[in-house]
């Protein structure tokens, strides 16, 4: 089955709103890598987030917000669970929850 969502990292990053687009393109390292979503482009196409001027938390918040908008990629979060940016303990709980469903 062909994946009709495949585009290059650059092809997805140029779809970001202007406030994020320039920063993402400036930090891009894999422009021609083929990916199937905007969140994947952000995760696989940029420098290590912590090495960018914006920092890890900036990209992590954007990444998770993009994932929420991509239902086929989104993690299911238990109703009583929230994930503040950088909270690895809660993220581990969410990953465990998803592995059980």
PDB file of N, CA and C in Angstrom:
ATOM      1  N   UNK A   1       0.835  -1.182   0.000  1.00  0.00           N
ATOM      2  CA  UNK A   1       0.000   0.000   0.000  1.00  0.00           C
ATOM      3  C   UNK A   1       0.880   1.245   0.000  1.00  0.00           C
ATOM      4  N   UNK A   2       0.670   2.147  -0.936  1.00  0.00           N
ATOM      5  CA  UNK A   2       1.481   3.357  -1.046  1.00  0.00           C
ATOM      6  C   UNK A   2       1.064   4.382   0.004  1.00  0.00           C
ATOM      7  N   UNK A   3       2.061   5.073   0.517  1.00  0.00           N
ATOM      8  CA  UNK A   3       1.783   6.130   1.483  1.00  0.00           C
ATOM      9  C   UNK A   3       1.725   7.454   0.736  1.00  0.00           C
ATOM     10  N   UNK A   4       0.526   8.000   0.583  1.00  0.00           N
ATOM     11  CA  UNK A   4       0.342   9.236  -0.173  1.00  0.00           C
ATOM     12  C   UNK A   4       0.787  10.473   0.590  1.00  0.00           C
ATOM     13  N   UNK A   5       1.158  10.318   1.858  1.00  0.00           N
ATOM     14  CA  UNK A   5       1.572  11.460   2.654  1.00  0.00           C
ATOM     15  C   UNK A   5       3.075  11.709   2.599  1.00  0.00           C
ATOM     16  N   UNK A   6       3.829  10.876   1.882  1.00  0.00           N
ATOM     17  CA  UNK A   6       5.278  11.035   1.857  1.00  0.00           C
ATOM     18  C   UNK A   6       5.685  12.326   1.160  1.00  0.00           C
ATOM     19  N   UNK A   7       6.531  13.079   1.863  1.00  0.00           N
ATOM     20  CA  UNK A   7       7.125  14.306   1.338  1.00  0.00           C
ATOM     21  C   UNK A   7       8.512  14.418   1.942  1.00  0.00           C
ATOM     22  N   UNK A   8       9.282  15.336   1.428  1.00  0.00           N
ATOM     23  CA  UNK A   8      10.578  15.601   2.037  1.00  0.00           C
ATOM     24  C   UNK A   8      10.364  16.389   3.330  1.00  0.00           C
ATOM     25  N   UNK A   9      11.373  16.354   4.186  1.00  0.00           N
ATOM     26  CA  UNK A   9      11.340  17.165   5.404  1.00  0.00           C
ATOM     27  C   UNK A   9      11.074  18.619   5.027  1.00  0.00           C
ATOM     28  N   UNK A  10      11.829  19.142   4.055  1.00  0.00           N
ATOM     29  CA  UNK A  10      11.624  20.533   3.622  1.00  0.00           C
ATOM     30  C   UNK A  10      10.175  20.763   3.173  1.00  0.00           C
ATOM     31  N   UNK A  11       9.622  19.804   2.421  1.00  0.00           N
ATOM     32  CA  UNK A  11       8.252  19.934   1.938  1.00  0.00           C
ATOM     33  C   UNK A  11       7.241  20.079   3.061  1.00  0.00           C
ATOM     34  N   UNK A  12       7.467  19.382   4.163  1.00  0.00           N
ATOM     35  CA  UNK A  12       6.572  19.527   5.320  1.00  0.00           C
ATOM     36  C   UNK A  12       6.873  20.799   6.106  1.00  0.00           C
ATOM     37  N   UNK A  13       8.138  21.097   6.345  1.00  0.00           N
ATOM     38  CA  UNK A  13       8.473  22.248   7.206  1.00  0.00           C
ATOM     39  C   UNK A  13       8.008  23.573   6.617  1.00  0.00           C
ATOM     40  N   UNK A  14       7.942  23.670   5.305  1.00  0.00           N
ATOM     41  CA  UNK A  14       7.466  24.927   4.721  1.00  0.00           C
ATOM     42  C   UNK A  14       5.966  25.127   4.952  1.00  0.00           C
ATOM     43  N   UNK A  15       5.279  24.091   5.419  1.00  0.00           N
ATOM     44  CA  UNK A  15       3.853  24.204   5.739  1.00  0.00           C
ATOM     45  C   UNK A  15       3.614  24.793   7.134  1.00  0.00           C
ATOM     46  N   UNK A  16       4.668  24.876   7.943  1.00  0.00           N
ATOM     47  CA  UNK A  16       4.510  25.422   9.291  1.00  0.00           C
ATOM     48  C   UNK A  16       4.093  26.890   9.233  1.00  0.00           C
ATOM     49  N   UNK A  17       3.347  27.369  10.237  1.00  0.00           N
ATOM     50  CA  UNK A  17       3.061  28.803  10.308  1.00  0.00           C
ATOM     51  C   UNK A  17       4.374  29.590  10.361  1.00  0.00           C
ATOM     52  N   UNK A  18       4.348  30.803   9.852  1.00  0.00           N
ATOM     53  CA  UNK A  18       5.554  31.623   9.726  1.00  0.00           C
ATOM     54  C   UNK A  18       6.356  31.721  11.022  1.00  0.00           C
ATOM     55  N   UNK A  19       5.687  31.828  12.159  1.00  0.00           N
ATOM     56  CA  UNK A  19       6.410  31.979  13.427  1.00  0.00           C
ATOM     57  C   UNK A  19       7.313  30.791  13.744  1.00  0.00           C
ATOM     58  N   UNK A  20       7.034  29.625  13.159  1.00  0.00           N
ATOM     59  CA  UNK A  20       7.856  28.426  13.368  1.00  0.00           C
ATOM     60  C   UNK A  20       8.689  28.063  12.137  1.00  0.00           C
ATOM     61  N   UNK A  21       8.180  28.401  10.969  1.00  0.00           N
ATOM     62  CA  UNK A  21       8.794  27.966   9.709  1.00  0.00           C
ATOM     63  C   UNK A  21      10.265  28.378   9.588  1.00  0.00           C
ATOM     64  N   UNK A  22      10.549  29.648   9.775  1.00  0.00           N
ATOM     65  CA  UNK A  22      11.916  30.129   9.620  1.00  0.00           C
ATOM     66  C   UNK A  22      12.884  29.454  10.578  1.00  0.00           C
ATOM     67  N   UNK A  23      12.459  29.279  11.819  1.00  0.00           N
ATOM     68  CA  UNK A  23      13.314  28.628  12.821  1.00  0.00           C
ATOM     69  C   UNK A  23      13.561  27.167  12.452  1.00  0.00           C
ATOM     70  N   UNK A  24      12.508  26.490  12.007  1.00  0.00           N
ATOM     71  CA  UNK A  24      12.650  25.079  11.635  1.00  0.00           C
ATOM     72  C   UNK A  24      13.575  24.937  10.431  1.00  0.00           C
ATOM     73  N   UNK A  25      13.379  25.762   9.418  1.00  0.00           N
ATOM     74  CA  UNK A  25      14.220  25.674   8.225  1.00  0.00           C
ATOM     75  C   UNK A  25      15.673  26.005   8.541  1.00  0.00           C
ATOM     76  N   UNK A  26      15.879  26.956   9.454  1.00  0.00           N
ATOM     77  CA  UNK A  26      17.243  27.329   9.845  1.00  0.00           C
ATOM     78  C   UNK A  26      17.950  26.174  10.566  1.00  0.00           C
ATOM     79  N   UNK A  27      17.202  25.343  11.274  1.00  0.00           N
ATOM     80  CA  UNK A  27      17.765  24.228  12.041  1.00  0.00           C
ATOM     81  C   UNK A  27      17.667  22.886  11.314  1.00  0.00           C
ATOM     82  N   UNK A  28      17.226  22.907  10.067  1.00  0.00           N
ATOM     83  CA  UNK A  28      17.030  21.682   9.291  1.00  0.00           C
ATOM     84  C   UNK A  28      18.382  21.070   8.909  1.00  0.00           C
ATOM     85  N   UNK A  29      18.472  19.730   9.055  1.00  0.00           N
ATOM     86  CA  UNK A  29      19.704  19.038   8.651  1.00  0.00           C
ATOM     87  C   UNK A  29      19.444  17.942   7.625  1.00  0.00           C
ATOM     88  N   UNK A  30      18.219  17.519   7.461  1.00  0.00           N
ATOM     89  CA  UNK A  30      17.888  16.432   6.527  1.00  0.00           C
ATOM     90  C   UNK A  30      16.782  16.877   5.563  1.00  0.00           C
ATOM     91  N   UNK A  31      17.032  17.882   4.721  1.00  0.00           N
ATOM     92  CA  UNK A  31      15.950  18.429   3.898  1.00  0.00           C
ATOM     93  C   UNK A  31      15.320  17.451   2.927  1.00  0.00           C
ATOM     94  N   UNK A  32      16.085  16.466   2.457  1.00  0.00           N
ATOM     95  CA  UNK A  32      15.563  15.547   1.441  1.00  0.00           C
ATOM     96  C   UNK A  32      15.072  14.217   1.994  1.00  0.00           C
ATOM     97  N   UNK A  33      15.129  14.050   3.316  1.00  0.00           N
ATOM     98  CA  UNK A  33      14.632  12.835   3.952  1.00  0.00           C
ATOM     99  C   UNK A  33      13.127  12.732   3.732  1.00  0.00           C
ATOM    100  N   UNK A  34      12.644  11.569   3.311  1.00  0.00           N
ATOM    101  CA  UNK A  34      11.212  11.368   3.081  1.00  0.00           C
ATOM    102  C   UNK A  34      10.538  10.951   4.390  1.00  0.00           C
ATOM    103  N   UNK A  35       9.474  11.663   4.745  1.00  0.00           N
ATOM    104  CA  UNK A  35       8.716  11.385   5.967  1.00  0.00           C
ATOM    105  C   UNK A  35       7.229  11.444   5.626  1.00  0.00           C
ATOM    106  N   UNK A  36       6.393  11.000   6.584  1.00  0.00           N
ATOM    107  CA  UNK A  36       4.960  10.957   6.268  1.00  0.00           C
ATOM    108  C   UNK A  36       4.097  11.887   7.097  1.00  0.00           C
ATOM    109  N   UNK A  37       4.717  12.813   7.846  1.00  0.00           N
ATOM    110  CA  UNK A  37       3.919  13.770   8.609  1.00  0.00           C
ATOM    111  C   UNK A  37       4.778  14.969   9.000  1.00  0.00           C
ATOM    112  N   UNK A  38       4.104  16.041   9.355  1.00  0.00           N
ATOM    113  CA  UNK A  38       4.798  17.242   9.794  1.00  0.00           C
ATOM    114  C   UNK A  38       5.545  17.008  11.102  1.00  0.00           C
ATOM    115  N   UNK A  39       4.931  16.268  12.012  1.00  0.00           N
ATOM    116  CA  UNK A  39       5.622  16.000  13.279  1.00  0.00           C
ATOM    117  C   UNK A  39       6.870  15.156  13.047  1.00  0.00           C
ATOM    118  N   UNK A  40       6.788  14.184  12.134  1.00  0.00           N
ATOM    119  CA  UNK A  40       7.957  13.366  11.832  1.00  0.00           C
ATOM    120  C   UNK A  40       9.058  14.211  11.187  1.00  0.00           C
ATOM    121  N   UNK A  41       8.677  15.162  10.353  1.00  0.00           N
ATOM    122  CA  UNK A  41       9.658  16.073   9.740  1.00  0.00           C
ATOM    123  C   UNK A  41      10.373  16.869  10.823  1.00  0.00           C
ATOM    124  N   UNK A  42       9.625  17.319  11.799  1.00  0.00           N
ATOM    125  CA  UNK A  42      10.220  18.079  12.898  1.00  0.00           C
ATOM    126  C   UNK A  42      11.145  17.203  13.732  1.00  0.00           C
ATOM    127  N   UNK A  43      10.748  15.969  13.975  1.00  0.00           N
ATOM    128  CA  UNK A  43      11.550  15.070  14.793  1.00  0.00           C
ATOM    129  C   UNK A  43      12.783  14.533  14.091  1.00  0.00           C
ATOM    130  N   UNK A  44      12.681  14.271  12.791  1.00  0.00           N
ATOM    131  CA  UNK A  44      13.785  13.630  12.075  1.00  0.00           C
ATOM    132  C   UNK A  44      14.611  14.597  11.231  1.00  0.00           C
ATOM    133  N   UNK A  45      14.078  15.773  10.980  1.00  0.00           N
ATOM    134  CA  UNK A  45      14.737  16.669  10.038  1.00  0.00           C
ATOM    135  C   UNK A  45      15.525  17.807  10.631  1.00  0.00           C
ATOM    136  N   UNK A  46      15.478  17.965  11.948  1.00  0.00           N
ATOM    137  CA  UNK A  46      16.181  19.081  12.585  1.00  0.00           C
ATOM    138  C   UNK A  46      17.399  18.604  13.343  1.00  0.00           C
ATOM    139  N   UNK A  47      18.277  19.570  13.673  1.00  0.00           N
ATOM    140  CA  UNK A  47      19.394  19.290  14.577  1.00  0.00           C
ATOM    141  C   UNK A  47      18.814  18.762  15.877  1.00  0.00           C
ATOM    142  N   UNK A  48      19.667  18.191  16.729  1.00  0.00           N
ATOM    143  CA  UNK A  48      19.181  17.806  18.058  1.00  0.00           C
ATOM    144  C   UNK A  48      18.585  19.052  18.695  1.00  0.00           C
ATOM    145  N   UNK A  49      17.368  18.912  19.162  1.00  0.00           N
ATOM    146  CA  UNK A  49      16.630  20.072  19.645  1.00  0.00           C
ATOM    147  C   UNK A  49      17.383  20.865  20.695  1.00  0.00           C
ATOM    148  N   UNK A  50      18.091  20.171  21.597  1.00  0.00           N
ATOM    149  CA  UNK A  50      18.777  20.881  22.677  1.00  0.00           C
ATOM    150  C   UNK A  50      19.959  21.705  22.169  1.00  0.00           C
ATOM    151  N   UNK A  51      20.395  21.469  20.930  1.00  0.00           N
ATOM    152  CA  UNK A  51      21.519  22.237  20.386  1.00  0.00           C
ATOM    153  C   UNK A  51      21.070  23.463  19.602  1.00  0.00           C
ATOM    154  N   UNK A  52      19.768  23.646  19.468  1.00  0.00           N
ATOM    155  CA  UNK A  52      19.261  24.799  18.716  1.00  0.00           C
ATOM    156  C   UNK A  52      19.129  26.004  19.643  1.00  0.00           C
ATOM    157  N   UNK A  53      19.122  27.215  19.078  1.00  0.00           N
ATOM    158  CA  UNK A  53      18.931  28.415  19.915  1.00  0.00           C
ATOM    159  C   UNK A  53      17.605  28.394  20.681  1.00  0.00           C
ATOM    160  N   UNK A  54      16.589  27.734  20.114  1.00  0.00           N
ATOM    161  CA  UNK A  54      15.265  27.698  20.750  1.00  0.00           C
ATOM    162  C   UNK A  54      15.229  26.721  21.921  1.00  0.00           C
ATOM    163  N   UNK A  55      16.053  25.702  21.877  1.00  0.00           N
ATOM    164  CA  UNK A  55      16.110  24.725  22.958  1.00  0.00           C
ATOM    165  C   UNK A  55      15.128  23.571  22.782  1.00  0.00           C
ATOM    166  N   UNK A  56      15.364  22.529  23.554  1.00  0.00           N
ATOM    167  CA  UNK A  56      14.587  21.288  23.476  1.00  0.00           C
ATOM    168  C   UNK A  56      13.105  21.506  23.765  1.00  0.00           C
ATOM    169  N   UNK A  57      12.783  22.220  24.831  1.00  0.00           N
ATOM    170  CA  UNK A  57      11.379  22.373  25.230  1.00  0.00           C
ATOM    171  C   UNK A  57      10.543  23.067  24.157  1.00  0.00           C
ATOM    172  N   UNK A  58      11.131  24.038  23.467  1.00  0.00           N
ATOM    173  CA  UNK A  58      10.428  24.755  22.401  1.00  0.00           C
ATOM    174  C   UNK A  58       9.943  23.769  21.331  1.00  0.00           C
ATOM    175  N   UNK A  59      10.862  22.921  20.840  1.00  0.00           N
ATOM    176  CA  UNK A  59      10.524  21.974  19.783  1.00  0.00           C
ATOM    177  C   UNK A  59       9.628  20.855  20.300  1.00  0.00           C
ATOM    178  N   UNK A  60       9.833  20.447  21.542  1.00  0.00           N
ATOM    179  CA  UNK A  60       9.007  19.375  22.103  1.00  0.00           C
ATOM    180  C   UNK A  60       7.541  19.802  22.189  1.00  0.00           C
ATOM    181  N   UNK A  61       7.292  21.023  22.631  1.00  0.00           N
ATOM    182  CA  UNK A  61       5.907  21.513  22.713  1.00  0.00           C
ATOM    183  C   UNK A  61       5.287  21.561  21.321  1.00  0.00           C
ATOM    184  N   UNK A  62       6.030  22.073  20.349  1.00  0.00           N
ATOM    185  CA  UNK A  62       5.516  22.119  18.976  1.00  0.00           C
ATOM    186  C   UNK A  62       5.271  20.711  18.448  1.00  0.00           C
ATOM    187  N   UNK A  63       6.204  19.801  18.673  1.00  0.00           N
ATOM    188  CA  UNK A  63       6.068  18.418  18.218  1.00  0.00           C
ATOM    189  C   UNK A  63       4.785  17.776  18.760  1.00  0.00           C
ATOM    190  N   UNK A  64       4.564  17.885  20.078  1.00  0.00           N
ATOM    191  CA  UNK A  64       3.385  17.246  20.658  1.00  0.00           C
ATOM    192  C   UNK A  64       2.093  17.916  20.209  1.00  0.00           C
ATOM    193  N   UNK A  65       2.121  19.218  19.970  1.00  0.00           N
ATOM    194  CA  UNK A  65       0.933  19.873  19.435  1.00  0.00           C
ATOM    195  C   UNK A  65       0.647  19.417  18.006  1.00  0.00           C
ATOM    196  N   UNK A  66       1.696  19.215  17.226  1.00  0.00           N
ATOM    197  CA  UNK A  66       1.501  18.682  15.877  1.00  0.00           C
ATOM    198  C   UNK A  66       0.951  17.261  15.926  1.00  0.00           C
ATOM    199  N   UNK A  67       1.467  16.448  16.832  1.00  0.00           N
ATOM    200  CA  UNK A  67       0.986  15.062  16.959  1.00  0.00           C
ATOM    201  C   UNK A  67      -0.497  15.022  17.292  1.00  0.00           C
ATOM    202  N   UNK A  68      -0.944  15.951  18.148  1.00  0.00           N
ATOM    203  CA  UNK A  68      -2.373  15.991  18.496  1.00  0.00           C
ATOM    204  C   UNK A  68      -3.224  16.249  17.257  1.00  0.00           C
ATOM    205  N   UNK A  69      -2.676  16.992  16.308  1.00  0.00           N
ATOM    206  CA  UNK A  69      -3.413  17.328  15.089  1.00  0.00           C
ATOM    207  C   UNK A  69      -3.329  16.220  14.037  1.00  0.00           C
ATOM    208  N   UNK A  70      -2.534  15.191  14.311  1.00  0.00           N
ATOM    209  CA  UNK A  70      -2.368  14.058  13.398  1.00  0.00           C
ATOM    210  C   UNK A  70      -2.927  12.808  14.072  1.00  0.00           C
ATOM    211  N   UNK A  71      -4.240  12.590  13.986  1.00  0.00           N
ATOM    212  CA  UNK A  71      -4.866  11.497  14.744  1.00  0.00           C
ATOM    213  C   UNK A  71      -4.212  10.133  14.544  1.00  0.00           C
ATOM    214  N   UNK A  72      -3.720   9.874  13.342  1.00  0.00           N
ATOM    215  CA  UNK A  72      -3.108   8.568  13.095  1.00  0.00           C
ATOM    216  C   UNK A  72      -1.762   8.431  13.789  1.00  0.00           C
ATOM    217  N   UNK A  73      -1.163   9.543  14.236  1.00  0.00           N
ATOM    218  CA  UNK A  73       0.130   9.513  14.897  1.00  0.00           C
ATOM    219  C   UNK A  73       0.026   9.768  16.403  1.00  0.00           C
ATOM    220  N   UNK A  74      -1.085  10.340  16.829  1.00  0.00           N
ATOM    221  CA  UNK A  74      -1.196  10.812  18.210  1.00  0.00           C
ATOM    222  C   UNK A  74      -1.188   9.665  19.219  1.00  0.00           C
ATOM    223  N   UNK A  75      -0.505   9.904  20.312  1.00  0.00           N
ATOM    224  CA  UNK A  75      -0.594   8.983  21.446  1.00  0.00           C
ATOM    225  C   UNK A  75      -1.912   9.218  22.143  1.00  0.00           C
ATOM    226  N   UNK A  76      -2.526   8.167  22.613  1.00  0.00           N
ATOM    227  CA  UNK A  76      -3.730   8.337  23.422  1.00  0.00           C
ATOM    228  C   UNK A  76      -3.293   8.630  24.845  1.00  0.00           C
ATOM    229  N   UNK A  77      -3.811   9.693  25.405  1.00  0.00           N
ATOM    230  CA  UNK A  77      -3.466  10.097  26.762  1.00  0.00           C
ATOM    231  C   UNK A  77      -4.647   9.768  27.660  1.00  0.00           C
ATOM    232  N   UNK A  78      -4.407   9.047  28.772  1.00  0.00           N
ATOM    233  CA  UNK A  78      -5.514   8.761  29.694  1.00  0.00           C
ATOM    234  C   UNK A  78      -6.185  10.061  30.127  1.00  0.00           C
ATOM    235  N   UNK A  79      -7.498  10.015  30.335  1.00  0.00           N
ATOM    236  CA  UNK A  79      -8.256  11.224  30.635  1.00  0.00           C
ATOM    237  C   UNK A  79      -7.730  11.990  31.840  1.00  0.00           C
ATOM    238  N   UNK A  80      -7.237  11.299  32.847  1.00  0.00           N
ATOM    239  CA  UNK A  80      -6.781  11.975  34.067  1.00  0.00           C
ATOM    240  C   UNK A  80      -5.298  12.340  34.006  1.00  0.00           C
ATOM    241  N   UNK A  81      -4.676  12.258  32.836  1.00  0.00           N
ATOM    242  CA  UNK A  81      -3.231  12.463  32.701  1.00  0.00           C
ATOM    243  C   UNK A  81      -2.949  13.710  31.864  1.00  0.00           C
ATOM    244  N   UNK A  82      -2.014  14.510  32.282  1.00  0.00           N
ATOM    245  CA  UNK A  82      -1.519  15.613  31.477  1.00  0.00           C
ATOM    246  C   UNK A  82      -0.005  15.459  31.358  1.00  0.00           C
ATOM    247  N   UNK A  83       0.557  16.065  30.325  1.00  0.00           N
ATOM    248  CA  UNK A  83       2.003  15.957  30.120  1.00  0.00           C
ATOM    249  C   UNK A  83       2.592  17.350  29.970  1.00  0.00           C
ATOM    250  N   UNK A  84       3.121  17.907  31.053  1.00  0.00           N
ATOM    251  CA  UNK A  84       3.829  19.178  30.906  1.00  0.00           C
ATOM    252  C   UNK A  84       5.091  18.951  30.071  1.00  0.00           C
ATOM    253  N   UNK A  85       5.524  19.960  29.298  1.00  0.00           N
ATOM    254  CA  UNK A  85       6.734  19.787  28.498  1.00  0.00           C
ATOM    255  C   UNK A  85       7.903  19.331  29.357  1.00  0.00           C
ATOM    256  N   UNK A  86       8.601  18.312  28.899  1.00  0.00           N
ATOM    257  CA  UNK A  86       9.782  17.827  29.592  1.00  0.00           C
ATOM    258  C   UNK A  86       9.509  16.877  30.741  1.00  0.00           C
ATOM    259  N   UNK A  87       8.254  16.527  30.974  1.00  0.00           N
ATOM    260  CA  UNK A  87       7.941  15.661  32.107  1.00  0.00           C
ATOM    261  C   UNK A  87       8.038  14.199  31.683  1.00  0.00           C
ATOM    262  N   UNK A  88       9.202  13.622  31.844  1.00  0.00           N
ATOM    263  CA  UNK A  88       9.468  12.274  31.356  1.00  0.00           C
ATOM    264  C   UNK A  88       8.746  11.192  32.145  1.00  0.00           C
ATOM    265  N   UNK A  89       8.477  11.438  33.416  1.00  0.00           N
ATOM    266  CA  UNK A  89       7.765  10.438  34.218  1.00  0.00           C
ATOM    267  C   UNK A  89       6.352  10.260  33.683  1.00  0.00           C
ATOM    268  N   UNK A  90       5.654  11.360  33.424  1.00  0.00           N
ATOM    269  CA  UNK A  90       4.310  11.260  32.872  1.00  0.00           C
ATOM    270  C   UNK A  90       4.340  10.686  31.457  1.00  0.00           C
ATOM    271  N   UNK A  91       5.358  11.038  30.674  1.00  0.00           N
ATOM    272  CA  UNK A  91       5.458  10.487  29.323  1.00  0.00           C
ATOM    273  C   UNK A  91       5.613   8.971  29.381  1.00  0.00           C
ATOM    274  N   UNK A  92       6.394   8.480  30.320  1.00  0.00           N
ATOM    275  CA  UNK A  92       6.563   7.035  30.469  1.00  0.00           C
ATOM    276  C   UNK A  92       5.218   6.376  30.774  1.00  0.00           C
ATOM    277  N   UNK A  93       4.408   6.998  31.629  1.00  0.00           N
ATOM    278  CA  UNK A  93       3.085   6.464  31.952  1.00  0.00           C
ATOM    279  C   UNK A  93       2.210   6.408  30.703  1.00  0.00           C
ATOM    280  N   UNK A  94       2.268   7.452  29.881  1.00  0.00           N
ATOM    281  CA  UNK A  94       1.463   7.480  28.666  1.00  0.00           C
ATOM    282  C   UNK A  94       1.907   6.403  27.696  1.00  0.00           C
ATOM    283  N   UNK A  95       3.226   6.213  27.551  1.00  0.00           N
ATOM    284  CA  UNK A  95       3.726   5.172  26.655  1.00  0.00           C
ATOM    285  C   UNK A  95       3.314   3.790  27.149  1.00  0.00           C
ATOM    286  N   UNK A  96       3.353   3.577  28.458  1.00  0.00           N
ATOM    287  CA  UNK A  96       2.917   2.306  29.016  1.00  0.00           C
ATOM    288  C   UNK A  96       1.430   2.093  28.767  1.00  0.00           C
ATOM    289  N   UNK A  97       0.634   3.150  28.927  1.00  0.00           N
ATOM    290  CA  UNK A  97      -0.802   3.075  28.674  1.00  0.00           C
ATOM    291  C   UNK A  97      -1.053   2.679  27.233  1.00  0.00           C
ATOM    292  N   UNK A  98      -0.322   3.281  26.282  1.00  0.00           N
ATOM    293  CA  UNK A  98      -0.521   2.993  24.871  1.00  0.00           C
ATOM    294  C   UNK A  98      -0.089   1.592  24.502  1.00  0.00           C
ATOM    295  N   UNK A  99       0.904   1.044  25.197  1.00  0.00           N
ATOM    296  CA  UNK A  99       1.348  -0.304  24.875  1.00  0.00           C
ATOM    297  C   UNK A  99       0.320  -1.342  25.354  1.00  0.00           C
ATOM    298  N   UNK A 100      -0.567  -0.942  26.256  1.00  0.00           N
ATOM    299  CA  UNK A 100      -1.569  -1.862  26.783  1.00  0.00           C
ATOM    300  C   UNK A 100      -2.823  -1.912  25.921  1.00  0.00           C
ATOM    301  N   UNK A 101      -3.006  -0.935  25.022  1.00  0.00           N
ATOM    302  CA  UNK A 101      -4.242  -0.912  24.231  1.00  0.00           C
ATOM    303  C   UNK A 101      -4.026  -1.528  22.875  1.00  0.00           C
TER     304      UNK A 101
END
